[in-house]
Amino acid sequence: MAKKNVEELLITGGKSNELRMKYDSIKTKEDFVAAAAADGYDFTLDELDAVLKESGDSFDLMGNPAKKQIWWK
């Protein structure tokens, strides 16, 4: 179920500019997981890492302005 929560956040972020901007400003994965929990997306750091590894996505910021390359469309 937690994996589904990670995927739901990544899909929602892919559709919502506002959500992407909020989460793109978060620097660490720990803070990202905490913010997600506050928004109702309950998952662990290990579960986030597992989904990102499966999808081949990177948590690193890229571009100018810097954005995470994790959002699914």
N, C-alpha and C. Protein backbone atom coordinates (compact mmCIF):
# COMPACT_ATOMS: atom_id res chain seq x y z
N MET A 1 0.82 -1.19 0.00
CA MET A 1 0.00 0.00 0.00
C MET A 1 0.87 1.27 0.00
N ALA A 2 1.96 1.25 0.76
CA ALA A 2 2.81 2.44 0.81
C ALA A 2 3.43 2.73 -0.55
N LYS A 3 3.79 1.68 -1.29
CA LYS A 3 4.33 1.88 -2.64
C LYS A 3 3.29 2.60 -3.50
N LYS A 4 2.04 2.22 -3.32
CA LYS A 4 0.96 2.88 -4.06
C LYS A 4 0.87 4.36 -3.68
N ASN A 5 1.15 4.69 -2.42
CA ASN A 5 1.14 6.09 -1.98
C ASN A 5 2.24 6.89 -2.65
N VAL A 6 3.41 6.30 -2.79
CA VAL A 6 4.52 6.96 -3.50
C VAL A 6 4.09 7.22 -4.94
N GLU A 7 3.58 6.20 -5.59
CA GLU A 7 3.16 6.33 -6.99
C GLU A 7 2.06 7.37 -7.14
N GLU A 8 1.12 7.41 -6.21
CA GLU A 8 0.03 8.38 -6.27
C GLU A 8 0.58 9.81 -6.17
N LEU A 9 1.54 10.02 -5.28
CA LEU A 9 2.15 11.35 -5.15
C LEU A 9 2.88 11.73 -6.44
N LEU A 10 3.63 10.81 -7.02
CA LEU A 10 4.37 11.11 -8.25
C LEU A 10 3.43 11.41 -9.41
N ILE A 11 2.31 10.73 -9.47
CA ILE A 11 1.32 10.98 -10.52
C ILE A 11 0.63 12.32 -10.29
N THR A 12 0.23 12.58 -9.04
CA THR A 12 -0.42 13.85 -8.72
C THR A 12 0.52 15.01 -8.99
N GLY A 13 1.79 14.86 -8.63
CA GLY A 13 2.77 15.90 -8.91
C GLY A 13 2.99 16.12 -10.39
N GLY A 14 2.84 15.07 -11.18
CA GLY A 14 2.96 15.20 -12.62
C GLY A 14 1.85 16.03 -13.24
N LYS A 15 0.73 16.12 -12.53
CA LYS A 15 -0.42 16.87 -13.02
C LYS A 15 -0.56 18.25 -12.39
N SER A 16 0.10 18.46 -11.24
CA SER A 16 -0.10 19.69 -10.48
C SER A 16 1.19 20.50 -10.38
N ASN A 17 1.20 21.63 -11.04
CA ASN A 17 2.35 22.53 -10.98
C ASN A 17 2.62 22.98 -9.56
N GLU A 18 1.56 23.29 -8.83
CA GLU A 18 1.68 23.76 -7.46
C GLU A 18 2.35 22.72 -6.56
N LEU A 19 1.91 21.47 -6.69
CA LEU A 19 2.48 20.40 -5.89
C LEU A 19 3.95 20.18 -6.26
N ARG A 20 4.26 20.19 -7.55
CA ARG A 20 5.65 20.02 -7.99
C ARG A 20 6.54 21.11 -7.41
N MET A 21 6.09 22.35 -7.46
CA MET A 21 6.89 23.46 -6.94
C MET A 21 7.15 23.28 -5.45
N LYS A 22 6.15 22.85 -4.71
CA LYS A 22 6.31 22.64 -3.27
C LYS A 22 7.38 21.57 -3.00
N TYR A 23 7.25 20.44 -3.66
CA TYR A 23 8.16 19.32 -3.40
C TYR A 23 9.53 19.50 -4.06
N ASP A 24 9.59 20.23 -5.16
CA ASP A 24 10.89 20.48 -5.80
C ASP A 24 11.79 21.34 -4.92
N SER A 25 11.19 22.13 -4.03
CA SER A 25 11.99 22.99 -3.15
C SER A 25 12.56 22.23 -1.95
N ILE A 26 12.14 20.99 -1.75
CA ILE A 26 12.63 20.18 -0.64
C ILE A 26 13.95 19.54 -1.03
N LYS A 27 14.95 19.72 -0.19
CA LYS A 27 16.31 19.28 -0.53
C LYS A 27 16.59 17.82 -0.21
N THR A 28 16.11 17.31 0.94
CA THR A 28 16.47 15.95 1.34
C THR A 28 15.30 14.99 1.19
N LYS A 29 15.63 13.74 1.00
CA LYS A 29 14.59 12.72 0.91
C LYS A 29 13.82 12.60 2.22
N GLU A 30 14.51 12.76 3.34
CA GLU A 30 13.86 12.68 4.65
C GLU A 30 12.79 13.76 4.79
N ASP A 31 13.13 14.98 4.39
CA ASP A 31 12.16 16.07 4.44
C ASP A 31 11.03 15.86 3.44
N PHE A 32 11.35 15.28 2.29
CA PHE A 32 10.36 14.96 1.26
C PHE A 32 9.33 13.98 1.82
N VAL A 33 9.81 12.92 2.49
CA VAL A 33 8.92 11.91 3.07
C VAL A 33 8.06 12.53 4.17
N ALA A 34 8.66 13.40 4.99
CA ALA A 34 7.91 14.06 6.06
C ALA A 34 6.81 14.97 5.50
N ALA A 35 7.13 15.72 4.43
CA ALA A 35 6.14 16.60 3.81
C ALA A 35 5.02 15.77 3.18
N ALA A 36 5.39 14.66 2.57
CA ALA A 36 4.38 13.78 1.97
C ALA A 36 3.44 13.24 3.04
N ALA A 37 4.00 12.83 4.18
CA ALA A 37 3.17 12.32 5.27
C ALA A 37 2.21 13.40 5.76
N ALA A 38 2.67 14.63 5.86
CA ALA A 38 1.81 15.74 6.28
C ALA A 38 0.68 15.98 5.27
N ASP A 39 0.92 15.64 4.01
CA ASP A 39 -0.09 15.79 2.96
C ASP A 39 -0.94 14.53 2.76
N GLY A 40 -0.72 13.53 3.61
CA GLY A 40 -1.55 12.33 3.55
C GLY A 40 -1.00 11.19 2.73
N TYR A 41 0.24 11.30 2.28
CA TYR A 41 0.90 10.23 1.52
C TYR A 41 1.86 9.50 2.47
N ASP A 42 1.42 8.37 2.99
CA ASP A 42 2.18 7.66 4.01
C ASP A 42 3.09 6.61 3.38
N PHE A 43 4.42 6.87 3.43
CA PHE A 43 5.41 5.91 2.96
C PHE A 43 6.73 6.21 3.63
N THR A 44 7.64 5.25 3.56
CA THR A 44 8.96 5.40 4.17
C THR A 44 9.99 5.82 3.14
N LEU A 45 11.14 6.20 3.63
CA LEU A 45 12.26 6.53 2.75
C LEU A 45 12.65 5.34 1.89
N ASP A 46 12.68 4.15 2.48
CA ASP A 46 13.01 2.94 1.73
C ASP A 46 12.00 2.68 0.62
N GLU A 47 10.73 2.93 0.89
CA GLU A 47 9.70 2.72 -0.13
C GLU A 47 9.82 3.75 -1.26
N LEU A 48 10.15 4.98 -0.92
CA LEU A 48 10.40 6.00 -1.95
C LEU A 48 11.58 5.58 -2.82
N ASP A 49 12.67 5.16 -2.18
CA ASP A 49 13.85 4.73 -2.93
C ASP A 49 13.53 3.55 -3.85
N ALA A 50 12.73 2.60 -3.36
CA ALA A 50 12.38 1.42 -4.17
C ALA A 50 11.60 1.82 -5.42
N VAL A 51 10.64 2.73 -5.27
CA VAL A 51 9.84 3.16 -6.43
C VAL A 51 10.72 3.93 -7.41
N LEU A 52 11.57 4.81 -6.90
CA LEU A 52 12.45 5.57 -7.79
C LEU A 52 13.41 4.66 -8.53
N LYS A 53 13.92 3.64 -7.84
CA LYS A 53 14.84 2.69 -8.48
C LYS A 53 14.12 1.90 -9.56
N GLU A 54 12.91 1.43 -9.26
CA GLU A 54 12.13 0.66 -10.25
C GLU A 54 11.86 1.47 -11.50
N SER A 55 11.54 2.77 -11.30
CA SER A 55 11.17 3.61 -12.44
C SER A 55 12.37 4.22 -13.15
N GLY A 56 13.54 4.14 -12.50
CA GLY A 56 14.74 4.72 -13.09
C GLY A 56 14.82 6.23 -12.91
N ASP A 57 14.01 6.78 -12.02
CA ASP A 57 13.99 8.22 -11.77
C ASP A 57 15.04 8.61 -10.74
N SER A 58 15.52 9.84 -10.83
CA SER A 58 16.52 10.36 -9.92
C SER A 58 15.92 11.47 -9.06
N PHE A 59 16.22 11.46 -7.78
CA PHE A 59 15.75 12.48 -6.85
C PHE A 59 16.51 13.80 -7.02
N ASP A 60 17.64 13.75 -7.72
CA ASP A 60 18.48 14.94 -7.87
C ASP A 60 17.74 16.06 -8.59
N LEU A 61 18.13 17.28 -8.26
CA LEU A 61 17.59 18.46 -8.93
C LEU A 61 18.37 18.70 -10.22
N MET A 62 17.65 19.12 -11.28
CA MET A 62 18.28 19.40 -12.56
C MET A 62 17.64 20.64 -13.17
N GLY A 63 18.40 21.32 -13.97
CA GLY A 63 17.87 22.45 -14.72
C GLY A 63 17.91 23.76 -13.96
N ASN A 64 17.39 24.80 -14.63
CA ASN A 64 17.31 26.13 -14.03
C ASN A 64 15.99 26.75 -14.44
N PRO A 65 15.02 26.87 -13.58
CA PRO A 65 15.10 26.57 -12.15
C PRO A 65 15.19 25.07 -11.90
N ALA A 66 15.82 24.73 -10.80
CA ALA A 66 16.05 23.33 -10.45
C ALA A 66 14.74 22.61 -10.18
N LYS A 67 14.62 21.42 -10.77
CA LYS A 67 13.43 20.60 -10.61
C LYS A 67 13.84 19.15 -10.45
N LYS A 68 13.04 18.41 -9.70
CA LYS A 68 13.26 16.98 -9.57
C LYS A 68 12.71 16.29 -10.83
N GLN A 69 13.35 15.22 -11.23
CA GLN A 69 12.94 14.50 -12.44
C GLN A 69 12.17 13.23 -12.05
N ILE A 70 11.28 13.34 -11.07
CA ILE A 70 10.58 12.17 -10.55
C ILE A 70 9.12 12.13 -10.91
N TRP A 71 8.59 13.22 -11.44
CA TRP A 71 7.13 13.33 -11.61
C TRP A 71 6.65 12.54 -12.83
N TRP A 72 5.56 11.81 -12.63
CA TRP A 72 4.99 10.97 -13.69
C TRP A 72 3.83 11.69 -14.35
N LYS A 73 3.76 11.59 -15.66
CA LYS A 73 2.65 12.21 -16.39
C LYS A 73 1.81 11.17 -17.06
